C-alpha cells in the first residue's frame, strides 16, 4: 500500500499520472527552516519528517499495519543565491518573491523520503529555472489570479507563469513538486 504524506493536489495528480494507486494522508509538521540550514538538507529533513509522522500515525491506528506499506513524503522549496524563498505569506510577499526571481535563474529543490518496514530512503532533486524580466504590471496581474499564494517561489510552472519561463534545466515535474523519475526509481528499488 502506497501512502502519500501530502495534501498537495499537484503531487496527487503527478503520482496518478505515473500510474500509481495510493492513499492520501497529509502530515502536519512545522515547516520552518532552521537558522543557516542548507536548502537541500531542509527539504530532505521535511520530507523525512512528513513520511515518518504519517507512518507512525498509521501504525498507531492499525496495530497490525500492512507489511508492504510505503509512505512517501516530499517537500519543495525555491532558492535564489542559496536563500530559501518558500511560499508567500501575503500578496505583498508574493510580489517581493516574484521581483527577486525576475530576470534570473533560481533553483527548485524537492526532498523525497520513503518510509517502509525496512527503513527510510531519502533523496533530493534540483532543477534550475530561468525567469524572464517581469514588469510590475505582470506581477500585479499574476497575483490577482491567486495562483502564486500556495506555491513555493510564488509561481506555478504549469499555470500562467509558464509564459515567463524560457528555460528549465533538470526535471520539469520537480518544479511542480514531485520529481517523478526519481520517485519511481526509489519505489522500484524498495520493491513497491
N, C-alpha and C. Protein backbone atom coordinates (compact mmCIF):
# COMPACT_ATOMS: atom_id res chain seq x y z
N UNK A 1 0.85 -1.18 0.00
CA UNK A 1 0.00 0.00 0.00
C UNK A 1 0.89 1.24 0.00
N UNK A 2 0.68 2.14 -0.95
CA UNK A 2 1.43 3.39 -1.04
C UNK A 2 0.59 4.50 -0.41
N UNK A 3 1.22 5.30 0.45
CA UNK A 3 0.56 6.42 1.12
C UNK A 3 1.33 7.70 0.81
N UNK A 4 0.64 8.69 0.32
CA UNK A 4 1.23 9.99 0.05
C UNK A 4 1.02 10.89 1.26
N UNK A 5 2.12 11.30 1.89
CA UNK A 5 2.05 12.13 3.10
C UNK A 5 2.04 13.61 2.71
N UNK A 6 1.06 13.99 1.88
CA UNK A 6 0.99 15.36 1.39
C UNK A 6 -0.44 15.70 0.99
N UNK A 7 -0.82 16.95 1.22
CA UNK A 7 -2.14 17.42 0.79
C UNK A 7 -2.07 18.09 -0.58
N UNK A 8 -0.89 18.12 -1.19
CA UNK A 8 -0.71 18.83 -2.46
C UNK A 8 -1.49 18.18 -3.59
N UNK A 9 -2.40 18.92 -4.22
CA UNK A 9 -3.12 18.35 -5.37
C UNK A 9 -2.19 18.08 -6.54
N UNK A 10 -1.12 18.84 -6.67
CA UNK A 10 -0.17 18.61 -7.75
C UNK A 10 0.57 17.29 -7.56
N UNK A 11 1.01 17.00 -6.34
CA UNK A 11 1.68 15.71 -6.09
C UNK A 11 0.71 14.55 -6.32
N UNK A 12 -0.51 14.73 -5.89
CA UNK A 12 -1.53 13.69 -6.10
C UNK A 12 -1.73 13.44 -7.60
N UNK A 13 -1.86 14.51 -8.38
CA UNK A 13 -2.04 14.37 -9.83
C UNK A 13 -0.85 13.71 -10.49
N UNK A 14 0.36 14.10 -10.08
CA UNK A 14 1.56 13.53 -10.70
C UNK A 14 1.70 12.04 -10.38
N UNK A 15 1.45 11.64 -9.15
CA UNK A 15 1.51 10.20 -8.80
C UNK A 15 0.49 9.41 -9.59
N UNK A 16 -0.71 9.97 -9.74
CA UNK A 16 -1.75 9.31 -10.54
C UNK A 16 -1.32 9.21 -12.00
N UNK A 17 -0.75 10.29 -12.51
CA UNK A 17 -0.27 10.32 -13.89
C UNK A 17 0.75 9.21 -14.13
N UNK A 18 1.57 8.92 -13.13
CA UNK A 18 2.60 7.89 -13.26
C UNK A 18 2.01 6.48 -13.11
N UNK A 19 0.71 6.40 -12.82
CA UNK A 19 0.04 5.10 -12.77
C UNK A 19 -0.04 4.46 -11.40
N UNK A 20 0.27 5.19 -10.35
CA UNK A 20 0.23 4.62 -9.00
C UNK A 20 -1.15 4.75 -8.39
N UNK A 21 -1.52 3.75 -7.62
CA UNK A 21 -2.70 3.82 -6.77
C UNK A 21 -2.19 4.05 -5.36
N UNK A 22 -2.83 4.95 -4.64
CA UNK A 22 -2.30 5.33 -3.33
C UNK A 22 -3.40 5.96 -2.50
N UNK A 23 -3.12 6.06 -1.22
CA UNK A 23 -3.98 6.79 -0.29
C UNK A 23 -3.29 8.11 0.05
N UNK A 24 -4.08 9.11 0.39
CA UNK A 24 -3.53 10.40 0.78
C UNK A 24 -3.74 10.58 2.28
N UNK A 25 -2.67 10.86 2.99
CA UNK A 25 -2.72 11.09 4.43
C UNK A 25 -1.74 12.22 4.74
N UNK A 26 -2.19 13.48 4.68
CA UNK A 26 -1.26 14.60 4.88
C UNK A 26 -0.63 14.61 6.27
N UNK A 27 0.60 15.05 6.29
CA UNK A 27 1.33 15.19 7.56
C UNK A 27 1.15 16.63 8.05
N UNK A 28 1.13 16.77 9.35
CA UNK A 28 1.01 18.10 9.95
C UNK A 28 2.25 18.34 10.80
N UNK A 29 3.25 18.94 10.18
CA UNK A 29 4.51 19.24 10.89
C UNK A 29 4.89 20.69 10.62
N UNK A 30 5.66 21.31 11.52
CA UNK A 30 6.14 22.66 11.26
C UNK A 30 7.13 22.62 10.09
N UNK A 31 7.06 23.64 9.22
CA UNK A 31 7.90 23.63 8.02
C UNK A 31 8.93 24.76 7.99
N UNK A 32 9.29 25.28 9.15
CA UNK A 32 10.24 26.39 9.20
C UNK A 32 11.67 25.87 9.07
N UNK A 33 12.48 26.56 8.25
CA UNK A 33 13.89 26.16 8.18
C UNK A 33 14.62 26.53 9.47
N UNK A 34 15.63 25.73 9.80
CA UNK A 34 16.47 26.04 10.95
C UNK A 34 17.46 27.13 10.54
N UNK A 35 17.92 27.94 11.49
CA UNK A 35 18.87 29.01 11.14
C UNK A 35 20.09 28.46 10.39
N UNK A 36 20.36 29.02 9.22
CA UNK A 36 21.52 28.62 8.44
C UNK A 36 21.41 27.27 7.76
N UNK A 37 20.23 26.66 7.78
CA UNK A 37 20.07 25.33 7.22
C UNK A 37 20.21 25.35 5.70
N UNK A 38 21.02 24.44 5.18
CA UNK A 38 21.19 24.30 3.74
C UNK A 38 19.85 23.90 3.11
N UNK A 39 19.49 24.48 1.96
CA UNK A 39 18.19 24.18 1.34
C UNK A 39 17.96 22.69 1.04
N UNK A 40 18.99 21.98 0.61
CA UNK A 40 18.83 20.55 0.32
C UNK A 40 18.58 19.78 1.62
N UNK A 41 19.35 20.10 2.64
CA UNK A 41 19.16 19.46 3.96
C UNK A 41 17.75 19.76 4.47
N UNK A 42 17.30 21.00 4.28
CA UNK A 42 15.98 21.43 4.73
C UNK A 42 14.87 20.59 4.10
N UNK A 43 14.85 20.47 2.77
CA UNK A 43 13.74 19.74 2.13
C UNK A 43 13.80 18.24 2.40
N UNK A 44 15.01 17.69 2.53
CA UNK A 44 15.11 16.27 2.87
C UNK A 44 14.61 16.05 4.30
N UNK A 45 14.98 16.95 5.20
CA UNK A 45 14.51 16.82 6.60
C UNK A 45 12.99 16.85 6.66
N UNK A 46 12.37 17.82 5.96
CA UNK A 46 10.91 17.92 5.99
C UNK A 46 10.24 16.72 5.34
N UNK A 47 10.77 16.26 4.22
CA UNK A 47 10.19 15.08 3.55
C UNK A 47 10.24 13.88 4.48
N UNK A 48 11.37 13.70 5.14
CA UNK A 48 11.53 12.57 6.07
C UNK A 48 10.57 12.71 7.26
N UNK A 49 10.50 13.91 7.84
CA UNK A 49 9.62 14.12 8.99
C UNK A 49 8.16 13.86 8.62
N UNK A 50 7.74 14.30 7.43
CA UNK A 50 6.37 14.07 6.98
C UNK A 50 6.09 12.57 6.84
N UNK A 51 6.99 11.87 6.15
CA UNK A 51 6.78 10.44 5.93
C UNK A 51 6.81 9.66 7.25
N UNK A 52 7.73 10.00 8.13
CA UNK A 52 7.82 9.30 9.41
C UNK A 52 6.60 9.59 10.28
N UNK A 53 6.12 10.83 10.29
CA UNK A 53 4.94 11.18 11.10
C UNK A 53 3.71 10.40 10.64
N UNK A 54 3.51 10.32 9.34
CA UNK A 54 2.35 9.59 8.80
C UNK A 54 2.51 8.10 9.06
N UNK A 55 3.71 7.57 8.90
CA UNK A 55 3.95 6.15 9.17
C UNK A 55 3.62 5.82 10.63
N UNK A 56 4.05 6.68 11.56
CA UNK A 56 3.74 6.48 12.99
C UNK A 56 2.24 6.53 13.24
N UNK A 57 1.55 7.53 12.64
CA UNK A 57 0.10 7.66 12.83
C UNK A 57 -0.64 6.42 12.32
N UNK A 58 -0.28 5.96 11.15
CA UNK A 58 -0.97 4.80 10.57
C UNK A 58 -0.66 3.53 11.34
N UNK A 59 0.57 3.40 11.81
CA UNK A 59 0.94 2.22 12.60
C UNK A 59 0.22 2.23 13.94
N UNK A 60 0.08 3.41 14.56
CA UNK A 60 -0.63 3.51 15.84
C UNK A 60 -2.12 3.22 15.67
N UNK A 61 -2.68 3.63 14.54
CA UNK A 61 -4.11 3.44 14.29
C UNK A 61 -4.44 1.99 13.93
N UNK A 62 -3.47 1.29 13.38
CA UNK A 62 -3.67 -0.11 12.97
C UNK A 62 -2.58 -0.96 13.60
N UNK A 63 -2.88 -1.64 14.71
CA UNK A 63 -1.86 -2.43 15.41
C UNK A 63 -1.13 -3.42 14.50
N UNK A 64 -1.82 -3.89 13.45
CA UNK A 64 -1.16 -4.79 12.51
C UNK A 64 -1.11 -4.10 11.14
N UNK A 65 -0.19 -3.15 10.97
CA UNK A 65 -0.12 -2.44 9.69
C UNK A 65 0.31 -3.37 8.57
N UNK A 66 -0.02 -2.99 7.36
CA UNK A 66 0.39 -3.78 6.21
C UNK A 66 1.91 -3.80 6.13
N UNK A 67 2.46 -4.98 5.93
CA UNK A 67 3.92 -5.11 5.86
C UNK A 67 4.50 -4.34 4.69
N UNK A 68 3.75 -4.25 3.61
CA UNK A 68 4.28 -3.61 2.42
C UNK A 68 3.90 -2.12 2.33
N UNK A 69 3.55 -1.52 3.46
CA UNK A 69 3.18 -0.11 3.44
C UNK A 69 4.41 0.75 3.14
N UNK A 70 4.25 1.66 2.18
CA UNK A 70 5.30 2.61 1.82
C UNK A 70 4.70 4.00 1.97
N UNK A 71 5.34 4.84 2.77
CA UNK A 71 4.87 6.21 2.95
C UNK A 71 5.85 7.14 2.22
N UNK A 72 5.28 7.95 1.34
CA UNK A 72 6.06 8.88 0.53
C UNK A 72 5.86 10.29 1.06
N UNK A 73 6.95 10.91 1.47
CA UNK A 73 6.93 12.30 1.90
C UNK A 73 7.73 13.14 0.91
N UNK A 74 7.32 14.37 0.70
CA UNK A 74 8.05 15.26 -0.20
C UNK A 74 7.91 16.69 0.27
N UNK A 75 8.92 17.48 -0.02
CA UNK A 75 8.84 18.91 0.28
C UNK A 75 9.65 19.64 -0.78
N UNK A 76 9.11 20.75 -1.26
CA UNK A 76 9.74 21.53 -2.32
C UNK A 76 9.98 22.96 -1.85
N UNK A 77 11.13 23.49 -2.21
CA UNK A 77 11.42 24.88 -1.94
C UNK A 77 12.08 25.51 -3.16
N UNK A 78 12.06 26.82 -3.19
CA UNK A 78 12.72 27.60 -4.23
C UNK A 78 13.85 28.37 -3.56
N UNK A 79 15.02 28.37 -4.20
CA UNK A 79 16.16 29.10 -3.64
C UNK A 79 16.74 30.05 -4.68
N UNK A 80 17.22 31.14 -4.18
CA UNK A 80 17.93 32.12 -5.01
C UNK A 80 19.16 32.52 -4.22
N UNK A 81 20.33 32.35 -4.82
CA UNK A 81 21.59 32.62 -4.12
C UNK A 81 21.65 31.84 -2.80
N UNK A 82 21.16 30.62 -2.83
CA UNK A 82 21.13 29.67 -1.71
C UNK A 82 20.24 30.11 -0.55
N UNK A 83 19.40 31.13 -0.76
CA UNK A 83 18.43 31.56 0.26
C UNK A 83 17.08 30.91 -0.05
N UNK A 84 16.46 30.34 0.97
CA UNK A 84 15.15 29.69 0.82
C UNK A 84 14.07 30.75 0.70
N UNK A 85 13.28 30.68 -0.38
CA UNK A 85 12.21 31.67 -0.57
C UNK A 85 10.87 31.16 -0.05
N UNK A 86 10.56 29.90 -0.19
CA UNK A 86 9.34 29.34 0.37
C UNK A 86 8.06 29.86 -0.27
N UNK A 87 6.94 29.65 0.43
CA UNK A 87 5.63 30.10 -0.03
C UNK A 87 5.37 31.52 0.46
N UNK A 88 4.69 32.33 -0.33
CA UNK A 88 4.42 33.71 0.10
C UNK A 88 3.41 33.74 1.25
N UNK A 89 3.63 34.68 2.16
CA UNK A 89 2.73 34.84 3.30
C UNK A 89 1.60 35.81 3.01
N UNK A 90 1.74 36.60 1.95
CA UNK A 90 0.74 37.61 1.60
C UNK A 90 0.95 38.00 0.14
N UNK A 91 0.05 38.80 -0.39
CA UNK A 91 0.20 39.30 -1.76
C UNK A 91 1.47 40.15 -1.88
N UNK A 92 1.76 40.95 -0.87
CA UNK A 92 2.97 41.78 -0.89
C UNK A 92 4.22 40.90 -0.89
N UNK A 93 4.19 39.81 -0.13
CA UNK A 93 5.32 38.89 -0.09
C UNK A 93 5.47 38.17 -1.44
N UNK A 94 4.36 37.81 -2.07
CA UNK A 94 4.41 37.19 -3.40
C UNK A 94 5.06 38.15 -4.40
N UNK A 95 4.70 39.42 -4.33
CA UNK A 95 5.30 40.42 -5.22
C UNK A 95 6.80 40.53 -4.97
N UNK A 96 7.18 40.51 -3.72
CA UNK A 96 8.61 40.58 -3.36
C UNK A 96 9.37 39.40 -3.96
N UNK A 97 8.81 38.19 -3.80
CA UNK A 97 9.47 36.98 -4.31
C UNK A 97 9.57 37.03 -5.84
N UNK A 98 8.48 37.40 -6.50
CA UNK A 98 8.50 37.45 -7.96
C UNK A 98 9.48 38.51 -8.47
N UNK A 99 9.63 39.63 -7.77
CA UNK A 99 10.62 40.63 -8.17
C UNK A 99 12.04 40.06 -8.03
N UNK A 100 12.26 39.25 -6.99
CA UNK A 100 13.57 38.62 -6.81
C UNK A 100 13.88 37.64 -7.95
N UNK A 101 12.88 36.89 -8.39
CA UNK A 101 13.08 35.88 -9.44
C UNK A 101 13.19 36.51 -10.83
N UNK A 102 12.62 37.68 -11.02
CA UNK A 102 12.56 38.35 -12.31
C UNK A 102 13.94 38.49 -12.97
N UNK A 103 14.05 37.96 -14.21
CA UNK A 103 15.28 38.08 -14.98
C UNK A 103 16.44 37.24 -14.50
N UNK A 104 16.17 36.28 -13.62
CA UNK A 104 17.24 35.48 -13.03
C UNK A 104 16.94 33.99 -13.12
N UNK A 105 17.96 33.20 -12.82
CA UNK A 105 17.81 31.75 -12.73
C UNK A 105 17.82 31.36 -11.26
N UNK A 106 16.85 30.57 -10.86
CA UNK A 106 16.78 30.11 -9.48
C UNK A 106 16.76 28.58 -9.47
N UNK A 107 16.84 28.01 -8.28
CA UNK A 107 16.80 26.55 -8.14
C UNK A 107 15.52 26.13 -7.43
N UNK A 108 14.95 25.04 -7.92
CA UNK A 108 13.82 24.40 -7.25
C UNK A 108 14.36 23.08 -6.73
N UNK A 109 14.17 22.85 -5.43
CA UNK A 109 14.71 21.65 -4.79
C UNK A 109 13.57 20.90 -4.13
N UNK A 110 13.46 19.61 -4.43
CA UNK A 110 12.47 18.76 -3.77
C UNK A 110 13.19 17.64 -3.05
N UNK A 111 12.87 17.51 -1.77
CA UNK A 111 13.35 16.38 -0.99
C UNK A 111 12.27 15.31 -1.01
N UNK A 112 12.69 14.06 -1.10
CA UNK A 112 11.78 12.93 -1.16
C UNK A 112 12.22 11.92 -0.11
N UNK A 113 11.25 11.32 0.59
CA UNK A 113 11.55 10.28 1.58
C UNK A 113 10.55 9.15 1.44
N UNK A 114 11.06 7.92 1.51
CA UNK A 114 10.20 6.72 1.56
C UNK A 114 10.44 6.04 2.88
N UNK A 115 9.36 5.78 3.60
CA UNK A 115 9.44 5.05 4.86
C UNK A 115 8.75 3.71 4.66
N UNK A 116 9.49 2.63 4.93
CA UNK A 116 8.95 1.26 4.84
C UNK A 116 9.29 0.54 6.13
N UNK A 117 8.84 -0.70 6.23
CA UNK A 117 9.18 -1.51 7.40
C UNK A 117 10.69 -1.73 7.50
N UNK A 118 11.38 -1.63 6.37
CA UNK A 118 12.83 -1.87 6.33
C UNK A 118 13.64 -0.64 6.71
N UNK A 119 13.03 0.56 6.66
CA UNK A 119 13.78 1.76 6.99
C UNK A 119 13.34 2.96 6.17
N UNK A 120 14.25 3.91 6.05
CA UNK A 120 13.97 5.18 5.38
C UNK A 120 14.99 5.39 4.26
N UNK A 121 14.50 5.82 3.10
CA UNK A 121 15.37 6.20 2.00
C UNK A 121 15.04 7.64 1.65
N UNK A 122 16.08 8.47 1.48
CA UNK A 122 15.87 9.88 1.15
C UNK A 122 16.71 10.26 -0.07
N UNK A 123 16.25 11.28 -0.78
CA UNK A 123 16.97 11.81 -1.94
C UNK A 123 16.46 13.22 -2.20
N UNK A 124 17.15 13.92 -3.09
CA UNK A 124 16.71 15.26 -3.49
C UNK A 124 16.96 15.45 -4.98
N UNK A 125 16.13 16.28 -5.58
CA UNK A 125 16.25 16.64 -6.99
C UNK A 125 16.38 18.16 -7.06
N UNK A 126 17.27 18.64 -7.93
CA UNK A 126 17.48 20.08 -8.10
C UNK A 126 17.27 20.44 -9.57
N UNK A 127 16.46 21.46 -9.82
CA UNK A 127 16.18 21.93 -11.17
C UNK A 127 16.43 23.43 -11.23
N UNK A 128 17.10 23.87 -12.29
CA UNK A 128 17.34 25.30 -12.50
C UNK A 128 16.23 25.85 -13.40
N UNK A 129 15.66 26.98 -13.01
CA UNK A 129 14.56 27.59 -13.76
C UNK A 129 14.92 29.05 -14.05
N UNK A 130 14.83 29.41 -15.33
CA UNK A 130 15.13 30.78 -15.76
C UNK A 130 13.83 31.57 -15.91
N UNK A 131 13.78 32.76 -15.36
CA UNK A 131 12.62 33.65 -15.49
C UNK A 131 12.96 34.81 -16.42
N UNK A 132 12.02 35.22 -17.25
CA UNK A 132 12.15 36.46 -17.99
C UNK A 132 12.01 37.62 -17.02
N UNK A 133 12.32 38.82 -17.48
CA UNK A 133 12.14 40.01 -16.66
C UNK A 133 10.64 40.35 -16.60
N UNK A 134 10.14 40.53 -15.39
CA UNK A 134 8.72 40.81 -15.18
C UNK A 134 8.51 42.29 -14.87
N UNK A 135 7.45 42.84 -15.43
CA UNK A 135 7.09 44.22 -15.09
C UNK A 135 6.24 44.21 -13.81
N UNK A 136 6.11 45.36 -13.20
CA UNK A 136 5.25 45.47 -12.02
C UNK A 136 3.81 45.09 -12.38
N UNK A 137 3.39 45.43 -13.59
CA UNK A 137 2.04 45.08 -14.04
C UNK A 137 1.90 43.56 -14.20
N UNK A 138 2.92 42.90 -14.76
CA UNK A 138 2.91 41.43 -14.87
C UNK A 138 2.70 40.81 -13.49
N UNK A 139 3.47 41.30 -12.54
CA UNK A 139 3.43 40.75 -11.18
C UNK A 139 2.07 41.00 -10.55
N UNK A 140 1.55 42.22 -10.64
CA UNK A 140 0.26 42.56 -10.04
C UNK A 140 -0.87 41.73 -10.65
N UNK A 141 -0.87 41.59 -11.97
CA UNK A 141 -1.92 40.81 -12.63
C UNK A 141 -1.84 39.34 -12.24
N UNK A 142 -0.64 38.82 -12.12
CA UNK A 142 -0.47 37.42 -11.74
C UNK A 142 -0.94 37.18 -10.30
N UNK A 143 -0.58 38.06 -9.41
CA UNK A 143 -1.00 37.92 -8.01
C UNK A 143 -2.52 37.99 -7.91
N UNK A 144 -3.14 38.83 -8.73
CA UNK A 144 -4.61 38.98 -8.72
C UNK A 144 -5.32 37.67 -9.08
N UNK A 145 -4.64 36.76 -9.78
CA UNK A 145 -5.25 35.46 -10.12
C UNK A 145 -5.33 34.53 -8.91
N UNK A 146 -4.53 34.80 -7.88
CA UNK A 146 -4.48 33.94 -6.70
C UNK A 146 -3.54 32.76 -6.86
N UNK A 147 -3.06 32.51 -8.06
CA UNK A 147 -2.24 31.32 -8.32
C UNK A 147 -0.95 31.25 -7.50
N UNK A 148 -0.27 32.36 -7.22
CA UNK A 148 1.01 32.24 -6.52
C UNK A 148 0.91 31.93 -5.03
N UNK A 149 -0.25 32.02 -4.45
CA UNK A 149 -0.35 32.08 -3.00
C UNK A 149 0.00 30.80 -2.23
N UNK A 150 -0.14 29.63 -2.80
CA UNK A 150 0.22 28.43 -2.04
C UNK A 150 1.37 27.68 -2.68
N UNK A 151 2.20 28.41 -3.43
CA UNK A 151 3.28 27.78 -4.18
C UNK A 151 4.64 28.27 -3.68
N UNK A 152 5.57 27.33 -3.55
CA UNK A 152 6.95 27.71 -3.25
C UNK A 152 7.45 28.59 -4.39
N UNK A 153 8.04 29.72 -4.06
CA UNK A 153 8.53 30.64 -5.08
C UNK A 153 7.46 31.52 -5.68
N UNK A 154 6.23 31.40 -5.22
CA UNK A 154 5.11 32.25 -5.64
C UNK A 154 4.74 32.09 -7.11
N UNK A 155 4.95 30.88 -7.67
CA UNK A 155 4.50 30.67 -9.05
C UNK A 155 4.22 29.19 -9.30
N UNK A 156 3.42 28.95 -10.34
CA UNK A 156 3.13 27.58 -10.79
C UNK A 156 3.62 27.45 -12.23
N UNK A 157 4.62 26.61 -12.45
CA UNK A 157 5.18 26.45 -13.79
C UNK A 157 4.14 25.90 -14.76
N UNK A 158 3.20 25.12 -14.25
CA UNK A 158 2.16 24.53 -15.09
C UNK A 158 0.97 25.47 -15.28
N UNK A 159 1.07 26.66 -14.70
CA UNK A 159 -0.02 27.63 -14.79
C UNK A 159 0.37 28.83 -15.63
N UNK A 160 -0.14 29.98 -15.23
CA UNK A 160 0.07 31.21 -16.00
C UNK A 160 1.53 31.67 -16.03
N UNK A 161 2.30 31.28 -15.05
CA UNK A 161 3.71 31.69 -15.02
C UNK A 161 4.53 31.02 -16.12
N UNK A 162 4.00 30.00 -16.76
CA UNK A 162 4.74 29.28 -17.81
C UNK A 162 5.23 30.23 -18.90
N UNK A 163 4.50 31.29 -19.15
CA UNK A 163 4.88 32.22 -20.23
C UNK A 163 6.15 33.01 -19.92
N UNK A 164 6.60 32.98 -18.67
CA UNK A 164 7.81 33.70 -18.27
C UNK A 164 9.03 32.80 -18.12
N UNK A 165 8.89 31.51 -18.46
CA UNK A 165 9.96 30.55 -18.20
C UNK A 165 10.49 29.99 -19.51
N UNK A 166 11.56 30.61 -20.04
CA UNK A 166 12.10 30.14 -21.31
C UNK A 166 13.00 28.91 -21.19
N UNK A 167 13.48 28.61 -19.98
CA UNK A 167 14.43 27.51 -19.85
C UNK A 167 14.29 26.81 -18.51
N UNK A 168 14.29 25.48 -18.59
CA UNK A 168 14.31 24.63 -17.40
C UNK A 168 15.44 23.63 -17.60
N UNK A 169 16.34 23.55 -16.64
CA UNK A 169 17.44 22.58 -16.71
C UNK A 169 17.24 21.59 -15.58
N UNK A 170 16.79 20.38 -15.94
CA UNK A 170 16.50 19.36 -14.95
C UNK A 170 15.08 18.88 -15.09
N UNK A 171 14.56 18.28 -14.06
CA UNK A 171 13.24 17.65 -14.07
C UNK A 171 12.12 18.70 -13.98
N UNK A 172 11.31 18.77 -15.03
CA UNK A 172 10.16 19.68 -15.04
C UNK A 172 9.20 19.35 -13.90
N UNK A 173 8.94 18.08 -13.69
CA UNK A 173 7.98 17.67 -12.65
C UNK A 173 8.46 18.04 -11.25
N UNK A 174 9.77 18.13 -11.08
CA UNK A 174 10.32 18.60 -9.81
C UNK A 174 9.82 20.00 -9.49
N UNK A 175 9.72 20.84 -10.52
CA UNK A 175 9.27 22.22 -10.32
C UNK A 175 7.79 22.23 -9.91
N UNK A 176 7.04 21.21 -10.32
CA UNK A 176 5.64 21.09 -9.91
C UNK A 176 5.51 20.51 -8.50
N UNK A 177 6.60 19.93 -7.96
CA UNK A 177 6.56 19.45 -6.59
C UNK A 177 6.84 17.98 -6.39
N UNK A 178 7.07 17.20 -7.49
CA UNK A 178 7.36 15.78 -7.31
C UNK A 178 8.19 15.28 -8.49
N UNK A 179 9.49 15.05 -8.28
CA UNK A 179 10.33 14.56 -9.37
C UNK A 179 9.99 13.11 -9.69
N UNK A 180 9.17 12.92 -10.70
CA UNK A 180 8.60 11.59 -10.98
C UNK A 180 9.64 10.51 -11.24
N UNK A 181 10.63 10.79 -12.07
CA UNK A 181 11.62 9.75 -12.38
C UNK A 181 12.34 9.30 -11.11
N UNK A 182 12.72 10.24 -10.27
CA UNK A 182 13.38 9.91 -9.01
C UNK A 182 12.47 9.09 -8.11
N UNK A 183 11.23 9.54 -7.94
CA UNK A 183 10.29 8.83 -7.07
C UNK A 183 10.02 7.42 -7.60
N UNK A 184 9.82 7.27 -8.90
CA UNK A 184 9.55 5.95 -9.47
C UNK A 184 10.75 5.03 -9.27
N UNK A 185 11.97 5.53 -9.45
CA UNK A 185 13.17 4.73 -9.22
C UNK A 185 13.26 4.29 -7.77
N UNK A 186 12.96 5.21 -6.86
CA UNK A 186 13.02 4.87 -5.43
C UNK A 186 11.97 3.81 -5.08
N UNK A 187 10.76 3.96 -5.62
CA UNK A 187 9.71 2.97 -5.36
C UNK A 187 10.08 1.61 -5.92
N UNK A 188 10.66 1.59 -7.10
CA UNK A 188 11.09 0.31 -7.69
C UNK A 188 12.18 -0.34 -6.86
N UNK A 189 13.11 0.47 -6.33
CA UNK A 189 14.21 -0.10 -5.56
C UNK A 189 13.75 -0.67 -4.21
N UNK A 190 12.63 -0.18 -3.71
CA UNK A 190 12.12 -0.75 -2.44
C UNK A 190 11.08 -1.83 -2.73
N UNK A 191 11.02 -2.26 -4.02
CA UNK A 191 10.16 -3.36 -4.45
C UNK A 191 8.69 -3.08 -4.21
N UNK A 192 8.31 -1.82 -4.38
CA UNK A 192 6.88 -1.50 -4.25
C UNK A 192 6.16 -1.97 -5.49
